[in-house]
PDB file of N, CA and C in Angstrom:
ATOM      1  N   MET A   1       7.191 196.259-108.164  1.00  0.00           N
ATOM      2  CA  MET A   1       8.021 197.182-107.417  1.00  0.00           C
ATOM      3  C   MET A   1       9.213 197.619-108.267  1.00  0.00           C
ATOM      4  N   LYS A   2       9.547 198.880-108.174  1.00  0.00           N
ATOM      5  CA  LYS A   2      10.687 199.407-108.905  1.00  0.00           C
ATOM      6  C   LYS A   2      11.977 198.917-108.264  1.00  0.00           C
ATOM      7  N   LYS A   3      13.077 199.082-108.989  1.00  0.00           N
ATOM      8  CA  LYS A   3      14.367 198.609-108.502  1.00  0.00           C
ATOM      9  C   LYS A   3      14.801 199.317-107.216  1.00  0.00           C
ATOM     10  N   ASN A   4      14.454 200.599-107.063  1.00  0.00           N
ATOM     11  CA  ASN A   4      14.861 201.364-105.875  1.00  0.00           C
ATOM     12  C   ASN A   4      13.785 201.383-104.792  1.00  0.00           C
ATOM     13  N   GLU A   5      12.874 200.430-104.846  1.00  0.00           N
ATOM     14  CA  GLU A   5      11.834 200.303-103.833  1.00  0.00           C
ATOM     15  C   GLU A   5      11.910 198.931-103.189  1.00  0.00           C
ATOM     16  N   GLY A   6      11.470 198.827-101.953  1.00  0.00           N
ATOM     17  CA  GLY A   6      11.449 197.523-101.322  1.00  0.00           C
ATOM     18  C   GLY A   6      11.369 197.583 -99.819  1.00  0.00           C
ATOM     19  N   ILE A   7      11.456 196.408 -99.225  1.00  0.00           N
ATOM     20  CA  ILE A   7      11.413 196.227 -97.776  1.00  0.00           C
ATOM     21  C   ILE A   7      12.839 196.008 -97.291  1.00  0.00           C
ATOM     22  N   PHE A   8      13.166 196.598 -96.140  1.00  0.00           N
ATOM     23  CA  PHE A   8      14.492 196.425 -95.559  1.00  0.00           C
ATOM     24  C   PHE A   8      14.393 196.556 -94.046  1.00  0.00           C
ATOM     25  N   TYR A   9      15.420 196.078 -93.363  1.00  0.00           N
ATOM     26  CA  TYR A   9      15.496 196.203 -91.908  1.00  0.00           C
ATOM     27  C   TYR A   9      16.494 197.297 -91.562  1.00  0.00           C
ATOM     28  N   SER A  10      16.138 198.103 -90.570  1.00  0.00           N
ATOM     29  CA  SER A  10      16.982 199.222 -90.165  1.00  0.00           C
ATOM     30  C   SER A  10      16.986 199.304 -88.634  1.00  0.00           C
ATOM     31  N   PRO A  11      18.093 199.792 -88.041  1.00  0.00           N
ATOM     32  CA  PRO A  11      18.241 199.748 -86.585  1.00  0.00           C
ATOM     33  C   PRO A  11      17.482 200.821 -85.827  1.00  0.00           C
ATOM     34  N   ILE A  12      17.076 200.452 -84.621  1.00  0.00           N
ATOM     35  CA  ILE A  12      16.572 201.392 -83.622  1.00  0.00           C
ATOM     36  C   ILE A  12      17.095 200.923 -82.266  1.00  0.00           C
ATOM     37  N   ILE A  13      17.188 201.842 -81.320  1.00  0.00           N
ATOM     38  CA  ILE A  13      17.529 201.461 -79.950  1.00  0.00           C
ATOM     39  C   ILE A  13      16.225 201.043 -79.277  1.00  0.00           C
ATOM     40  N   LYS A  14      16.096 199.776 -78.997  1.00  0.00           N
ATOM     41  CA  LYS A  14      14.870 199.223 -78.416  1.00  0.00           C
ATOM     42  C   LYS A  14      14.913 199.277 -76.888  1.00  0.00           C
ATOM     43  N   PHE A  15      16.074 199.009 -76.339  1.00  0.00           N
ATOM     44  CA  PHE A  15      16.230 198.969 -74.881  1.00  0.00           C
ATOM     45  C   PHE A  15      17.230 200.045 -74.465  1.00  0.00           C
ATOM     46  N   ILE A  16      16.717 201.251 -74.264  1.00  0.00           N
ATOM     47  CA  ILE A  16      17.558 202.411 -73.986  1.00  0.00           C
ATOM     48  C   ILE A  16      18.430 202.199 -72.754  1.00  0.00           C
ATOM     49  N   SER A  17      17.891 201.584 -71.725  1.00  0.00           N
ATOM     50  CA  SER A  17      18.672 201.383 -70.494  1.00  0.00           C
ATOM     51  C   SER A  17      19.842 200.421 -70.701  1.00  0.00           C
ATOM     52  N   ALA A  18      19.765 199.565 -71.693  1.00  0.00           N
ATOM     53  CA  ALA A  18      20.858 198.621 -71.969  1.00  0.00           C
ATOM     54  C   ALA A  18      21.968 199.251 -72.798  1.00  0.00           C
ATOM     55  N   CYS A  19      21.665 200.344 -73.483  1.00  0.00           N
ATOM     56  CA  CYS A  19      22.649 200.984 -74.362  1.00  0.00           C
ATOM     57  C   CYS A  19      23.663 201.777 -73.545  1.00  0.00           C
ATOM     58  N   HIS A  20      24.924 201.481 -73.742  1.00  0.00           N
ATOM     59  CA  HIS A  20      25.993 202.201 -73.048  1.00  0.00           C
ATOM     60  C   HIS A  20      26.701 203.190 -73.956  1.00  0.00           C
ATOM     61  N   LYS A  21      26.103 203.438 -75.123  1.00  0.00           N
ATOM     62  CA  LYS A  21      26.616 204.418 -76.083  1.00  0.00           C
ATOM     63  C   LYS A  21      28.066 204.130 -76.482  1.00  0.00           C
ATOM     64  N   CYS A  22      28.358 202.852 -76.662  1.00  0.00           N
ATOM     65  CA  CYS A  22      29.713 202.447 -77.037  1.00  0.00           C
ATOM     66  C   CYS A  22      30.019 202.740 -78.508  1.00  0.00           C
ATOM     67  N   ARG A  23      28.977 202.959 -79.280  1.00  0.00           N
ATOM     68  CA  ARG A  23      29.068 203.274 -80.703  1.00  0.00           C
ATOM     69  C   ARG A  23      29.571 202.113 -81.571  1.00  0.00           C
ATOM     70  N   ALA A  24      29.456 200.897 -81.067  1.00  0.00           N
ATOM     71  CA  ALA A  24      29.837 199.729 -81.865  1.00  0.00           C
ATOM     72  C   ALA A  24      28.990 199.651 -83.124  1.00  0.00           C
ATOM     73  N   CYS A  25      27.719 199.993 -83.007  1.00  0.00           N
ATOM     74  CA  CYS A  25      26.820 199.973 -84.170  1.00  0.00           C
ATOM     75  C   CYS A  25      27.241 201.012 -85.204  1.00  0.00           C
ATOM     76  N   VAL A  26      27.674 202.172 -84.739  1.00  0.00           N
ATOM     77  CA  VAL A  26      28.133 203.241 -85.634  1.00  0.00           C
ATOM     78  C   VAL A  26      29.343 202.766 -86.434  1.00  0.00           C
ATOM     79  N   HIS A  27      30.292 202.148 -85.751  1.00  0.00           N
ATOM     80  CA  HIS A  27      31.517 201.690 -86.410  1.00  0.00           C
ATOM     81  C   HIS A  27      31.280 200.478 -87.303  1.00  0.00           C
ATOM     82  N   ALA A  28      30.241 199.703 -87.023  1.00  0.00           N
ATOM     83  CA  ALA A  28      29.965 198.497 -87.808  1.00  0.00           C
ATOM     84  C   ALA A  28      29.251 198.786 -89.125  1.00  0.00           C
ATOM     85  N   CYS A  29      28.654 199.952 -89.243  1.00  0.00           N
ATOM     86  CA  CYS A  29      27.886 200.284 -90.449  1.00  0.00           C
ATOM     87  C   CYS A  29      28.835 200.519 -91.630  1.00  0.00           C
ATOM     88  N   PRO A  30      28.700 199.719 -92.688  1.00  0.00           N
ATOM     89  CA  PRO A  30      29.627 199.834 -93.818  1.00  0.00           C
ATOM     90  C   PRO A  30      29.469 201.120 -94.626  1.00  0.00           C
ATOM     91  N   ILE A  31      28.349 201.816 -94.465  1.00  0.00           N
ATOM     92  CA  ILE A  31      28.130 203.040 -95.237  1.00  0.00           C
ATOM     93  C   ILE A  31      28.010 204.285 -94.358  1.00  0.00           C
ATOM     94  N   LYS A  32      28.291 204.126 -93.089  1.00  0.00           N
ATOM     95  CA  LYS A  32      28.241 205.239 -92.127  1.00  0.00           C
ATOM     96  C   LYS A  32      26.866 205.902 -92.094  1.00  0.00           C
ATOM     97  N   ALA A  33      25.814 205.091 -92.109  1.00  0.00           N
ATOM     98  CA  ALA A  33      24.442 205.600 -92.071  1.00  0.00           C
ATOM     99  C   ALA A  33      23.943 205.792 -90.648  1.00  0.00           C
ATOM    100  N   ILE A  34      24.768 205.446 -89.653  1.00  0.00           N
ATOM    101  CA  ILE A  34      24.367 205.571 -88.244  1.00  0.00           C
ATOM    102  C   ILE A  34      25.312 206.548 -87.563  1.00  0.00           C
ATOM    103  N   GLU A  35      24.739 207.438 -86.766  1.00  0.00           N
ATOM    104  CA  GLU A  35      25.546 208.337 -85.949  1.00  0.00           C
ATOM    105  C   GLU A  35      24.805 208.617 -84.655  1.00  0.00           C
ATOM    106  N   TRP A  36      25.523 209.175 -83.698  1.00  0.00           N
ATOM    107  CA  TRP A  36      24.907 209.528 -82.422  1.00  0.00           C
ATOM    108  C   TRP A  36      24.622 211.004 -82.405  1.00  0.00           C
ATOM    109  N   GLY A  37      23.397 211.340 -82.041  1.00  0.00           N
ATOM    110  CA  GLY A  37      23.012 212.729 -81.834  1.00  0.00           C
ATOM    111  C   GLY A  37      23.063 213.001 -80.341  1.00  0.00           C
ATOM    112  N   VAL A  38      22.276 213.932 -79.902  1.00  0.00           N
ATOM    113  CA  VAL A  38      22.225 214.258 -78.481  1.00  0.00           C
ATOM    114  C   VAL A  38      21.382 213.196 -77.788  1.00  0.00           C
ATOM    115  N   GLY A  39      22.040 212.147 -77.316  1.00  0.00           N
ATOM    116  CA  GLY A  39      21.381 211.078 -76.583  1.00  0.00           C
ATOM    117  C   GLY A  39      20.505 210.158 -77.418  1.00  0.00           C
ATOM    118  N   GLU A  40      20.663 210.183 -78.730  1.00  0.00           N
ATOM    119  CA  GLU A  40      19.843 209.312 -79.561  1.00  0.00           C
ATOM    120  C   GLU A  40      20.614 208.810 -80.780  1.00  0.00           C
ATOM    121  N   LEU A  41      20.160 207.698 -81.271  1.00  0.00           N
ATOM    122  CA  LEU A  41      20.712 207.097 -82.481  1.00  0.00           C
ATOM    123  C   LEU A  41      20.043 207.755 -83.684  1.00  0.00           C
ATOM    124  N   ILE A  42      20.840 208.240 -84.610  1.00  0.00           N
ATOM    125  CA  ILE A  42      20.308 208.843 -85.825  1.00  0.00           C
ATOM    126  C   ILE A  42      20.688 207.944 -86.988  1.00  0.00           C
ATOM    127  N   VAL A  43      19.678 207.489 -87.731  1.00  0.00           N
ATOM    128  CA  VAL A  43      19.904 206.570 -88.831  1.00  0.00           C
ATOM    129  C   VAL A  43      19.434 207.223 -90.130  1.00  0.00           C
ATOM    130  N   ASN A  44      20.309 207.255 -91.103  1.00  0.00           N
ATOM    131  CA  ASN A  44      19.947 207.711 -92.437  1.00  0.00           C
ATOM    132  C   ASN A  44      19.301 206.506 -93.121  1.00  0.00           C
ATOM    133  N   ARG A  45      17.992 206.385 -92.987  1.00  0.00           N
ATOM    134  CA  ARG A  45      17.295 205.208 -93.488  1.00  0.00           C
ATOM    135  C   ARG A  45      17.275 205.133 -95.015  1.00  0.00           C
ATOM    136  N   VAL A  46      17.338 206.259 -95.686  1.00  0.00           N
ATOM    137  CA  VAL A  46      17.396 206.228 -97.154  1.00  0.00           C
ATOM    138  C   VAL A  46      18.707 205.587 -97.593  1.00  0.00           C
ATOM    139  N   ALA A  47      19.823 205.992 -96.980  1.00  0.00           N
ATOM    140  CA  ALA A  47      21.122 205.391 -97.304  1.00  0.00           C
ATOM    141  C   ALA A  47      21.133 203.915 -96.940  1.00  0.00           C
ATOM    142  N   CYS A  48      20.554 203.584 -95.799  1.00  0.00           N
ATOM    143  CA  CYS A  48      20.458 202.189 -95.353  1.00  0.00           C
ATOM    144  C   CYS A  48      19.674 201.371 -96.381  1.00  0.00           C
ATOM    145  N   ALA A  49      18.529 201.893 -96.804  1.00  0.00           N
ATOM    146  CA  ALA A  49      17.681 201.195 -97.780  1.00  0.00           C
ATOM    147  C   ALA A  49      18.409 201.009 -99.105  1.00  0.00           C
ATOM    148  N   GLN A  50      19.073 202.041 -99.569  1.00  0.00           N
ATOM    149  CA  GLN A  50      19.783 201.956-100.846  1.00  0.00           C
ATOM    150  C   GLN A  50      20.880 200.902-100.797  1.00  0.00           C
ATOM    151  N   TYR A  51      21.584 200.839 -99.680  1.00  0.00           N
ATOM    152  CA  TYR A  51      22.638 199.833 -99.527  1.00  0.00           C
ATOM    153  C   TYR A  51      22.045 198.424 -99.557  1.00  0.00           C
ATOM    154  N   VAL A  52      20.987 198.218 -98.786  1.00  0.00           N
ATOM    155  CA  VAL A  52      20.362 196.894 -98.706  1.00  0.00           C
ATOM    156  C   VAL A  52      19.794 196.476-100.057  1.00  0.00           C
ATOM    157  N   LEU A  53      19.171 197.393-100.761  1.00  0.00           N
ATOM    158  CA  LEU A  53      18.589 197.058-102.061  1.00  0.00           C
ATOM    159  C   LEU A  53      19.651 196.716-103.096  1.00  0.00           C
ATOM    160  N   LYS A  54      20.845 197.285-102.952  1.00  0.00           N
ATOM    161  CA  LYS A  54      21.938 196.987-103.889  1.00  0.00           C
ATOM    162  C   LYS A  54      22.731 195.745-103.483  1.00  0.00           C
ATOM    163  N   LYS A  55      23.054 195.649-102.200  1.00  0.00           N
ATOM    164  CA  LYS A  55      23.986 194.622-101.718  1.00  0.00           C
ATOM    165  C   LYS A  55      23.320 193.435-101.027  1.00  0.00           C
ATOM    166  N   GLY A  56      22.083 193.589-100.599  1.00  0.00           N
ATOM    167  CA  GLY A  56      21.434 192.546 -99.818  1.00  0.00           C
ATOM    168  C   GLY A  56      21.399 192.936 -98.352  1.00  0.00           C
ATOM    169  N   GLU A  57      20.650 192.194 -97.586  1.00  0.00           N
ATOM    170  CA  GLU A  57      20.428 192.523 -96.175  1.00  0.00           C
ATOM    171  C   GLU A  57      21.735 192.648 -95.411  1.00  0.00           C
ATOM    172  N   CYS A  58      21.827 193.702 -94.616  1.00  0.00           N
ATOM    173  CA  CYS A  58      23.008 193.972 -93.791  1.00  0.00           C
ATOM    174  C   CYS A  58      22.564 193.963 -92.335  1.00  0.00           C
ATOM    175  N   LEU A  59      23.194 193.158 -91.526  1.00  0.00           N
ATOM    176  CA  LEU A  59      22.835 193.061 -90.111  1.00  0.00           C
ATOM    177  C   LEU A  59      24.004 193.450 -89.204  1.00  0.00           C
ATOM    178  N   ASN A  60      24.990 194.136 -89.770  1.00  0.00           N
ATOM    179  CA  ASN A  60      26.217 194.459 -89.041  1.00  0.00           C
ATOM    180  C   ASN A  60      25.972 195.226 -87.749  1.00  0.00           C
ATOM    181  N   CYS A  61      25.085 196.222 -87.785  1.00  0.00           N
ATOM    182  CA  CYS A  61      24.866 197.050 -86.599  1.00  0.00           C
ATOM    183  C   CYS A  61      24.285 196.226 -85.449  1.00  0.00           C
ATOM    184  N   ALA A  62      23.285 195.408 -85.752  1.00  0.00           N
ATOM    185  CA  ALA A  62      22.668 194.581 -84.712  1.00  0.00           C
ATOM    186  C   ALA A  62      23.653 193.552 -84.170  1.00  0.00           C
ATOM    187  N   ALA A  63      24.464 192.985 -85.044  1.00  0.00           N
ATOM    188  CA  ALA A  63      25.449 191.990 -84.615  1.00  0.00           C
ATOM    189  C   ALA A  63      26.517 192.621 -83.724  1.00  0.00           C
ATOM    190  N   ALA A  64      26.822 193.893 -83.948  1.00  0.00           N
ATOM    191  CA  ALA A  64      27.865 194.578 -83.177  1.00  0.00           C
ATOM    192  C   ALA A  64      27.393 194.996 -81.789  1.00  0.00           C
ATOM    193  N   CYS A  65      26.093 195.068 -81.579  1.00  0.00           N
ATOM    194  CA  CYS A  65      25.557 195.527 -80.297  1.00  0.00           C
ATOM    195  C   CYS A  65      25.601 194.388 -79.276  1.00  0.00           C
ATOM    196  N   TYR A  66      26.666 194.341 -78.518  1.00  0.00           N
ATOM    197  CA  TYR A  66      26.862 193.246 -77.559  1.00  0.00           C
ATOM    198  C   TYR A  66      25.944 193.362 -76.345  1.00  0.00           C
ATOM    199  N   ARG A  67      25.311 194.514 -76.138  1.00  0.00           N
ATOM    200  CA  ARG A  67      24.401 194.703 -75.004  1.00  0.00           C
ATOM    201  C   ARG A  67      22.958 194.331 -75.340  1.00  0.00           C
ATOM    202  N   GLY A  68      22.675 194.116 -76.624  1.00  0.00           N
ATOM    203  CA  GLY A  68      21.322 193.770 -77.033  1.00  0.00           C
ATOM    204  C   GLY A  68      20.349 194.940 -76.999  1.00  0.00           C
ATOM    205  N   ALA A  69      20.864 196.154 -77.001  1.00  0.00           N
ATOM    206  CA  ALA A  69      20.015 197.342 -76.938  1.00  0.00           C
ATOM    207  C   ALA A  69      19.416 197.687 -78.293  1.00  0.00           C
ATOM    208  N   LEU A  70      20.122 197.338 -79.343  1.00  0.00           N
ATOM    209  CA  LEU A  70      19.706 197.690 -80.693  1.00  0.00           C
ATOM    210  C   LEU A  70      18.950 196.536 -81.322  1.00  0.00           C
ATOM    211  N   THR A  71      17.906 196.860 -82.035  1.00  0.00           N
ATOM    212  CA  THR A  71      17.158 195.859 -82.772  1.00  0.00           C
ATOM    213  C   THR A  71      16.895 196.378 -84.174  1.00  0.00           C
ATOM    214  N   LEU A  72      16.471 195.504 -85.030  1.00  0.00           N
ATOM    215  CA  LEU A  72      16.149 195.895 -86.397  1.00  0.00           C
ATOM    216  C   LEU A  72      14.642 195.866 -86.567  1.00  0.00           C
ATOM    217  N   GLU A  73      14.117 196.887 -87.217  1.00  0.00           N
ATOM    218  CA  GLU A  73      12.690 196.926 -87.511  1.00  0.00           C
ATOM    219  C   GLU A  73      12.498 197.041 -89.020  1.00  0.00           C
ATOM    220  N   LYS A  74      11.353 196.578 -89.474  1.00  0.00           N
ATOM    221  CA  LYS A  74      11.078 196.518 -90.901  1.00  0.00           C
ATOM    222  C   LYS A  74      10.552 197.865 -91.406  1.00  0.00           C
ATOM    223  N   TYR A  75      11.139 198.310 -92.514  1.00  0.00           N
ATOM    224  CA  TYR A  75      10.735 199.545 -93.171  1.00  0.00           C
ATOM    225  C   TYR A  75      10.516 199.277 -94.647  1.00  0.00           C
ATOM    226  N   LYS A  76       9.819 200.217 -95.285  1.00  0.00           N
ATOM    227  CA  LYS A  76       9.572 200.127 -96.718  1.00  0.00           C
ATOM    228  C   LYS A  76       9.989 201.453 -97.345  1.00  0.00           C
ATOM    229  N   ILE A  77      10.675 201.390 -98.484  1.00  0.00           N
ATOM    230  CA  ILE A  77      11.002 202.604 -99.227  1.00  0.00           C
ATOM    231  C   ILE A  77      10.236 202.571-100.540  1.00  0.00           C
ATOM    232  N   THR A  78       9.530 203.663-100.800  1.00  0.00           N
ATOM    233  CA  THR A  78       8.769 203.835-102.030  1.00  0.00           C
ATOM    234  C   THR A  78       8.956 205.272-102.490  1.00  0.00           C
ATOM    235  N   ASP A  79       9.465 205.446-103.701  1.00  0.00           N
ATOM    236  CA  ASP A  79       9.708 206.788-104.255  1.00  0.00           C
ATOM    237  C   ASP A  79      10.526 207.658-103.298  1.00  0.00           C
ATOM    238  N   GLY A  80      11.519 207.074-102.638  1.00  0.00           N
ATOM    239  CA  GLY A  80      12.395 207.813-101.733  1.00  0.00           C
ATOM    240  C   GLY A  80      11.808 208.104-100.372  1.00  0.00           C
ATOM    241  N   LYS A  81      10.588 207.655-100.111  1.00  0.00           N
ATOM    242  CA  LYS A  81       9.946 207.883 -98.814  1.00  0.00           C
ATOM    243  C   LYS A  81      10.012 206.613 -97.980  1.00  0.00           C
ATOM    244  N   ILE A  82      10.353 206.789 -96.725  1.00  0.00           N
ATOM    245  CA  ILE A  82      10.505 205.654 -95.798  1.00  0.00           C
ATOM    246  C   ILE A  82       9.276 205.561 -94.906  1.00  0.00           C
ATOM    247  N   GLU A  83       8.745 204.360 -94.778  1.00  0.00           N
ATOM    248  CA  GLU A  83       7.635 204.098 -93.867  1.00  0.00           C
ATOM    249  C   GLU A  83       7.972 202.876 -93.037  1.00  0.00           C
ATOM    250  N   LYS A  84       7.642 202.930 -91.769  1.00  0.00           N
ATOM    251  CA  LYS A  84       7.799 201.752 -90.913  1.00  0.00           C
ATOM    252  C   LYS A  84       6.688 200.774 -91.252  1.00  0.00           C
ATOM    253  N   VAL A  85       7.032 199.520 -91.389  1.00  0.00           N
ATOM    254  CA  VAL A  85       6.053 198.478 -91.680  1.00  0.00           C
ATOM    255  C   VAL A  85       5.510 197.974 -90.364  1.00  0.00           C
ATOM    256  N   THR A  86       4.199 198.043 -90.204  1.00  0.00           N
ATOM    257  CA  THR A  86       3.559 197.580 -88.970  1.00  0.00           C
ATOM    258  C   THR A  86       2.672 196.390 -89.280  1.00  0.00           C
ATOM    259  N   LEU A  87       2.491 195.575 -88.289  1.00  0.00           N
ATOM    260  CA  LEU A  87       1.597 194.426 -88.432  1.00  0.00           C
ATOM    261  C   LEU A  87       0.165 194.886 -88.290  1.00  0.00           C
ATOM    262  N   ASP A  88      -0.672 194.437 -89.167  1.00  0.00           N
ATOM    263  CA  ASP A  88      -2.096 194.807 -89.098  1.00  0.00           C
ATOM    264  C   ASP A  88      -2.904 193.708 -88.485  1.00  0.00           C
TER     265      ASP A  88
END
């Protein structure tokens, strides 16, 4: 694997009804890769991946979600393309 490729965890809203849109996850992100769109969480997964590959795993967003609405899912970056890793 190249230096800019690898596996990383990135946030998604898993339990929409639990999310109160407090934006704690947005404020907890050290690189501002999370923002709120029209009723949805928007994650710049390329920026997230680059940060994790340089600095190591970051769990700040999930730790900040006191309602448990946000979870981390596994993704893979290869040649700048992001794919969700699924169990086979």
